[in-house]
C-alpha atoms as a PDB file:
ATOM      1  CA  MET A   1      19.641 -23.294 -12.231  1.00  0.00           C
ATOM      2  CA  SER A   2      15.889 -23.059 -12.823  1.00  0.00           C
ATOM      3  CA  GLU A   3      15.334 -22.092  -9.181  1.00  0.00           C
ATOM      4  CA  GLY A   4      17.554 -19.060  -9.717  1.00  0.00           C
ATOM      5  CA  ILE A   5      15.602 -18.045 -12.778  1.00  0.00           C
ATOM      6  CA  SER A   6      12.236 -18.412 -11.046  1.00  0.00           C
ATOM      7  CA  GLU A   7      13.511 -16.480  -8.014  1.00  0.00           C
ATOM      8  CA  GLU A   8      14.713 -13.694 -10.300  1.00  0.00           C
ATOM      9  CA  LEU A   9      11.335 -13.581 -12.052  1.00  0.00           C
ATOM     10  CA  ARG A  10       9.572 -13.465  -8.689  1.00  0.00           C
ATOM     11  CA  ARG A  11      11.746 -10.553  -7.575  1.00  0.00           C
ATOM     12  CA  LYS A  12      11.041  -8.716 -10.814  1.00  0.00           C
ATOM     13  CA  GLY A  13       7.322  -9.339 -10.365  1.00  0.00           C
ATOM     14  CA  VAL A  14       7.377  -7.995  -6.821  1.00  0.00           C
ATOM     15  CA  ALA A  15       9.418  -4.973  -7.933  1.00  0.00           C
ATOM     16  CA  ALA A  16       6.996  -4.301 -10.800  1.00  0.00           C
ATOM     17  CA  SER A  17       4.068  -4.618  -8.408  1.00  0.00           C
ATOM     18  CA  THR A  18       5.679  -2.121  -6.039  1.00  0.00           C
ATOM     19  CA  ILE A  19       6.351   0.321  -8.875  1.00  0.00           C
ATOM     20  CA  ARG A  20       2.808  -0.057 -10.171  1.00  0.00           C
ATOM     21  CA  GLU A  21       1.403   0.580  -6.697  1.00  0.00           C
ATOM     22  CA  ALA A  22       3.639   3.626  -6.214  1.00  0.00           C
ATOM     23  CA  LEU A  23       2.505   5.046  -9.560  1.00  0.00           C
ATOM     24  CA  GLY A  24      -1.162   4.292  -8.878  1.00  0.00           C
ATOM     25  CA  GLU A  25      -2.561   7.817  -8.661  1.00  0.00           C
ATOM     26  CA  TRP A  26      -0.185   9.108 -11.342  1.00  0.00           C
ATOM     27  CA  ARG A  27      -1.290   6.355 -13.735  1.00  0.00           C
ATOM     28  CA  THR A  28      -4.938   7.314 -13.273  1.00  0.00           C
ATOM     29  CA  GLN A  29      -4.206  11.024 -13.729  1.00  0.00           C
ATOM     30  CA  GLU A  30      -2.028  10.383 -16.776  1.00  0.00           C
ATOM     31  CA  MET A  31      -4.721   8.287 -18.424  1.00  0.00           C
ATOM     32  CA  LEU A  32      -7.313  11.016 -17.823  1.00  0.00           C
ATOM     33  CA  ARG A  33      -4.886  13.694 -19.053  1.00  0.00           C
ATOM     34  CA  ILE A  34      -4.317  11.825 -22.320  1.00  0.00           C
ATOM     35  CA  ILE A  35      -8.060  11.372 -22.844  1.00  0.00           C
ATOM     36  CA  ALA A  36      -8.725  15.065 -22.123  1.00  0.00           C
ATOM     37  CA  LYS A  37      -5.926  16.136 -24.456  1.00  0.00           C
ATOM     38  CA  LEU A  38      -7.428  14.010 -27.210  1.00  0.00           C
ATOM     39  CA  ALA A  39     -10.942  15.339 -26.572  1.00  0.00           C
ATOM     40  CA  LYS A  40      -9.974  19.022 -26.264  1.00  0.00           C
ATOM     41  CA  GLY A  41      -7.103  19.227 -28.730  1.00  0.00           C
ATOM     42  CA  PRO A  42      -7.276  20.438 -32.284  1.00  0.00           C
ATOM     43  CA  ALA A  43      -8.128  17.869 -34.931  1.00  0.00           C
ATOM     44  CA  THR A  44      -4.793  18.189 -36.693  1.00  0.00           C
ATOM     45  CA  LEU A  45      -2.520  15.353 -37.683  1.00  0.00           C
ATOM     46  CA  GLU A  46       0.314  16.844 -35.630  1.00  0.00           C
ATOM     47  CA  SER A  47      -1.836  17.052 -32.500  1.00  0.00           C
ATOM     48  CA  LEU A  48      -3.203  13.547 -32.935  1.00  0.00           C
ATOM     49  CA  LEU A  49       0.281  12.110 -33.458  1.00  0.00           C
ATOM     50  CA  GLU A  50       1.494  13.841 -30.295  1.00  0.00           C
ATOM     51  CA  VAL A  51      -1.352  12.364 -28.253  1.00  0.00           C
ATOM     52  CA  GLN A  52      -0.752   8.975 -29.870  1.00  0.00           C
ATOM     53  CA  SER A  53       2.913   8.989 -28.868  1.00  0.00           C
ATOM     54  CA  GLU A  54       1.983   9.828 -25.264  1.00  0.00           C
ATOM     55  CA  ALA A  55      -0.665   7.103 -25.226  1.00  0.00           C
ATOM     56  CA  LYS A  56       1.788   4.564 -26.654  1.00  0.00           C
ATOM     57  CA  ALA A  57       4.368   5.396 -23.974  1.00  0.00           C
ATOM     58  CA  PHE A  58       1.724   5.075 -21.246  1.00  0.00           C
ATOM     59  CA  HIS A  59       0.494   1.770 -22.689  1.00  0.00           C
ATOM     60  CA  LYS A  60       4.028   0.402 -22.936  1.00  0.00           C
ATOM     61  CA  LEU A  61       4.767   1.252 -19.285  1.00  0.00           C
ATOM     62  CA  THR A  62       1.529  -0.369 -18.139  1.00  0.00           C
ATOM     63  CA  HIS A  63       2.072  -3.442 -20.308  1.00  0.00           C
ATOM     64  CA  GLU A  64       5.679  -3.936 -19.164  1.00  0.00           C
ATOM     65  CA  LEU A  65       4.731  -3.691 -15.486  1.00  0.00           C
ATOM     66  CA  GLU A  66       1.865  -6.156 -15.909  1.00  0.00           C
ATOM     67  CA  LEU A  67       4.039  -8.551 -17.908  1.00  0.00           C
ATOM     68  CA  ALA A  68       6.777  -8.492 -15.262  1.00  0.00           C
ATOM     69  CA  MET A  69       4.177  -9.113 -12.561  1.00  0.00           C
ATOM     70  CA  GLN A  70       2.645 -11.993 -14.528  1.00  0.00           C
ATOM     71  CA  ASN A  71       6.047 -13.566 -15.222  1.00  0.00           C
ATOM     72  CA  GLY A  72       6.907 -13.213 -11.541  1.00  0.00           C
ATOM     73  CA  GLY A  73       3.683 -14.858 -10.432  1.00  0.00           C
ATOM     74  CA  VAL A  74       2.355 -11.693  -8.767  1.00  0.00           C
ATOM     75  CA  GLU A  75      -1.357 -10.999  -9.159  1.00  0.00           C
ATOM     76  CA  SER A  76      -2.429  -7.628 -10.589  1.00  0.00           C
END
């Protein structure tokens, strides 16, 4: 049973690695877009909360991909 679980984790890690690689340029552009939006946007609570929600979504995607890769034994 444990072999099945480890094989499943490995597959998830490989899939996450493939997704991360495919998103490579987009991830870089998205990070820079969020930083620019923060730097150029108005200093209002509404604007800052909007940028924060985008940054949180980006962080969550990155974290989930890295976690799946780590659990699957795939190097980042």
